[in-house]
């Protein structure tokens, strides 16, 4: 009688394992994210008279009506930090932002953009006027090394 229970238990256990196997198309049952991508264009000699341009694409198409596109700018030495502000939708997947910056130095721009569940926040350094020695050193500290490890954390 004990052997019958043992065999019956093994058979039931195997049936449960077989029933719990995932379907081959299980990944298709979940929403597939299409990552948002951006390209930030800052005029070469930035004075603030020309707008900063941000282009957004998703799934190979331009994003003409993103859920949100905000920009924040700060100075590398911490002496200036502008609050996050909305961009202007210029159409054809382009968003623009104007900011007059009068002090020379190293600045950073961070774009906060989201569309259809995908959110990105790329940060880009840029120079206004002449850079100080400390600004140049800060840029060099951020330069990627050539160690072969090109992994990034998001």
Protein backbone atom coordinates (compact mmCIF):
# COMPACT_ATOMS: atom_id res chain seq x y z
CA UNK A 1 0.00 0.00 0.00
CA UNK A 2 2.90 2.35 0.79
CA UNK A 3 4.36 1.74 -2.66
CA UNK A 4 1.05 2.66 -4.29
CA UNK A 5 0.99 6.02 -2.46
CA UNK A 6 4.60 6.64 -3.39
CA UNK A 7 3.94 5.97 -7.08
CA UNK A 8 0.72 7.96 -7.02
CA UNK A 9 2.55 10.90 -5.40
CA UNK A 10 5.27 10.80 -8.04
CA UNK A 11 2.71 10.69 -10.85
CA UNK A 12 0.77 13.63 -9.37
CA UNK A 13 3.97 15.61 -8.89
CA UNK A 14 4.97 15.03 -12.53
CA UNK A 15 1.51 16.09 -13.72
CA UNK A 16 1.78 19.32 -11.74
CA UNK A 17 5.22 20.04 -13.22
CA UNK A 18 4.00 19.42 -16.76
CA UNK A 19 0.98 21.67 -16.20
CA UNK A 20 3.19 24.50 -14.95
CA UNK A 21 5.42 24.71 -18.01
CA UNK A 22 5.28 28.14 -19.68
CA UNK A 23 3.86 28.49 -23.14
CA UNK A 24 6.37 29.03 -25.91
CA UNK A 25 4.71 32.33 -26.86
CA UNK A 26 4.41 33.57 -23.24
CA UNK A 27 6.64 36.60 -23.94
CA UNK A 28 4.19 37.79 -26.60
CA UNK A 29 1.39 37.92 -24.03
CA UNK A 30 3.05 40.87 -22.28
CA UNK A 31 3.28 44.39 -23.68
CA UNK A 32 6.48 44.93 -25.64
CA UNK A 33 8.23 48.22 -24.81
CA UNK A 34 9.51 50.28 -27.66
CA UNK A 35 12.32 52.42 -26.22
CA UNK A 36 12.29 56.15 -26.75
CA UNK A 37 15.44 57.66 -28.27
CA UNK A 38 16.66 61.24 -28.31
CA UNK A 39 19.23 63.40 -30.01
CA UNK A 40 20.17 66.71 -28.34
CA UNK A 41 21.60 69.41 -30.61
CA UNK A 42 23.25 72.41 -28.97
CA UNK A 43 24.60 75.23 -31.17
CA UNK A 44 28.42 75.05 -31.34
CA UNK A 45 29.02 78.55 -29.92
CA UNK A 46 26.12 78.57 -27.50
CA UNK A 47 24.93 82.03 -26.52
CA UNK A 48 21.27 81.31 -25.88
CA UNK A 49 20.04 83.21 -28.93
CA UNK A 50 19.54 79.96 -30.87
CA UNK A 51 17.36 77.21 -29.40
CA UNK A 52 18.55 73.86 -28.15
CA UNK A 53 16.90 71.20 -30.34
CA UNK A 54 15.76 67.82 -29.09
CA UNK A 55 14.57 65.18 -31.54
CA UNK A 56 12.61 62.16 -30.35
CA UNK A 57 12.10 58.86 -32.13
CA UNK A 58 10.41 55.67 -31.05
CA UNK A 59 10.08 52.44 -32.96
CA UNK A 60 11.84 54.07 -35.94
CA UNK A 61 9.31 56.93 -36.21
CA UNK A 62 9.44 60.54 -35.09
CA UNK A 63 7.49 61.34 -31.93
CA UNK A 64 5.32 64.34 -32.71
CA UNK A 65 3.22 64.28 -29.54
CA UNK A 66 5.34 63.00 -26.65
CA UNK A 67 3.68 62.59 -23.26
CA UNK A 68 6.24 65.04 -21.84
CA UNK A 69 9.56 66.66 -22.74
CA UNK A 70 11.21 68.76 -20.02
CA UNK A 71 14.70 70.22 -19.74
CA UNK A 72 16.84 71.13 -16.75
CA UNK A 73 20.19 72.93 -16.97
CA UNK A 74 22.87 73.40 -14.34
CA UNK A 75 26.41 74.69 -14.18
CA UNK A 76 29.19 72.21 -13.46
CA UNK A 77 30.54 74.14 -10.48
CA UNK A 78 27.12 74.18 -8.79
CA UNK A 79 26.69 77.97 -8.94
CA UNK A 80 23.58 77.72 -11.15
CA UNK A 81 20.72 75.22 -11.38
CA UNK A 82 17.65 76.06 -13.44
CA UNK A 83 14.44 74.28 -12.53
CA UNK A 84 12.91 71.80 -14.95
CA UNK A 85 10.97 73.53 -17.73
CA UNK A 86 8.79 72.38 -20.59
CA UNK A 87 10.03 72.45 -24.16
CA UNK A 88 8.17 73.83 -27.18
CA UNK A 89 6.86 71.26 -29.66
CA UNK A 90 8.29 72.44 -33.00
CA UNK A 91 6.71 69.56 -34.95
CA UNK A 92 8.21 66.69 -36.95
CA UNK A 93 9.59 65.09 -33.76
CA UNK A 94 11.55 68.20 -32.74
CA UNK A 95 11.24 70.00 -29.42
CA UNK A 96 13.06 73.25 -28.68
CA UNK A 97 14.22 75.07 -25.59
CA UNK A 98 15.67 78.58 -25.21
CA UNK A 99 17.88 79.58 -22.30
CA UNK A 100 20.14 82.62 -22.08
CA UNK A 101 23.36 81.72 -20.24
CA UNK A 102 25.71 84.65 -19.69
CA UNK A 103 28.46 83.11 -17.54
CA UNK A 104 31.25 81.13 -19.17
CA UNK A 105 31.74 77.58 -18.01
CA UNK A 106 30.75 73.96 -18.18
CA UNK A 107 27.00 73.31 -18.14
CA UNK A 108 24.88 70.18 -18.23
CA UNK A 109 21.50 69.65 -19.84
CA UNK A 110 19.22 66.81 -18.82
CA UNK A 111 16.21 65.99 -20.96
CA UNK A 112 13.30 64.25 -19.24
CA UNK A 113 11.13 62.71 -21.97
CA UNK A 114 8.39 60.13 -21.97
CA UNK A 115 6.07 58.56 -24.51
CA UNK A 116 3.90 55.42 -24.47
CA UNK A 117 5.38 54.08 -21.24
CA UNK A 118 9.02 54.65 -22.18
CA UNK A 119 10.95 57.29 -20.21
CA UNK A 120 14.49 58.53 -20.81
CA UNK A 121 16.68 61.10 -19.05
CA UNK A 122 19.91 61.64 -21.01
CA UNK A 123 22.42 64.20 -19.74
CA UNK A 124 24.85 66.06 -21.99
CA UNK A 125 27.68 68.45 -21.02
CA UNK A 126 28.23 71.60 -23.06
CA UNK A 127 30.42 74.69 -22.89
CA UNK A 128 29.45 78.33 -22.81
CA UNK A 129 32.34 80.61 -23.72
CA UNK A 130 35.75 79.66 -22.31
CA UNK A 131 36.21 76.72 -19.97
CA UNK A 132 38.31 77.03 -16.83
CA UNK A 133 41.04 74.52 -15.99
CA UNK A 134 38.68 72.92 -13.44
CA UNK A 135 35.95 72.59 -16.10
CA UNK A 136 38.36 70.88 -18.51
CA UNK A 137 39.48 68.50 -15.75
CA UNK A 138 35.84 67.73 -14.93
CA UNK A 139 35.20 66.88 -18.59
CA UNK A 140 38.31 64.69 -18.73
CA UNK A 141 37.19 62.83 -15.60
CA UNK A 142 33.94 61.96 -17.39
CA UNK A 143 35.63 60.72 -20.56
CA UNK A 144 35.23 56.97 -21.05
CA UNK A 145 38.38 54.93 -20.59
CA UNK A 146 39.62 52.54 -23.24
CA UNK A 147 39.58 49.50 -20.96
CA UNK A 148 37.16 47.68 -23.22
CA UNK A 149 34.32 47.68 -20.69
CA UNK A 150 31.60 49.70 -22.36
CA UNK A 151 28.68 48.69 -20.15
CA UNK A 152 26.30 51.39 -19.01
CA UNK A 153 23.84 51.51 -16.14
CA UNK A 154 20.41 53.05 -16.73
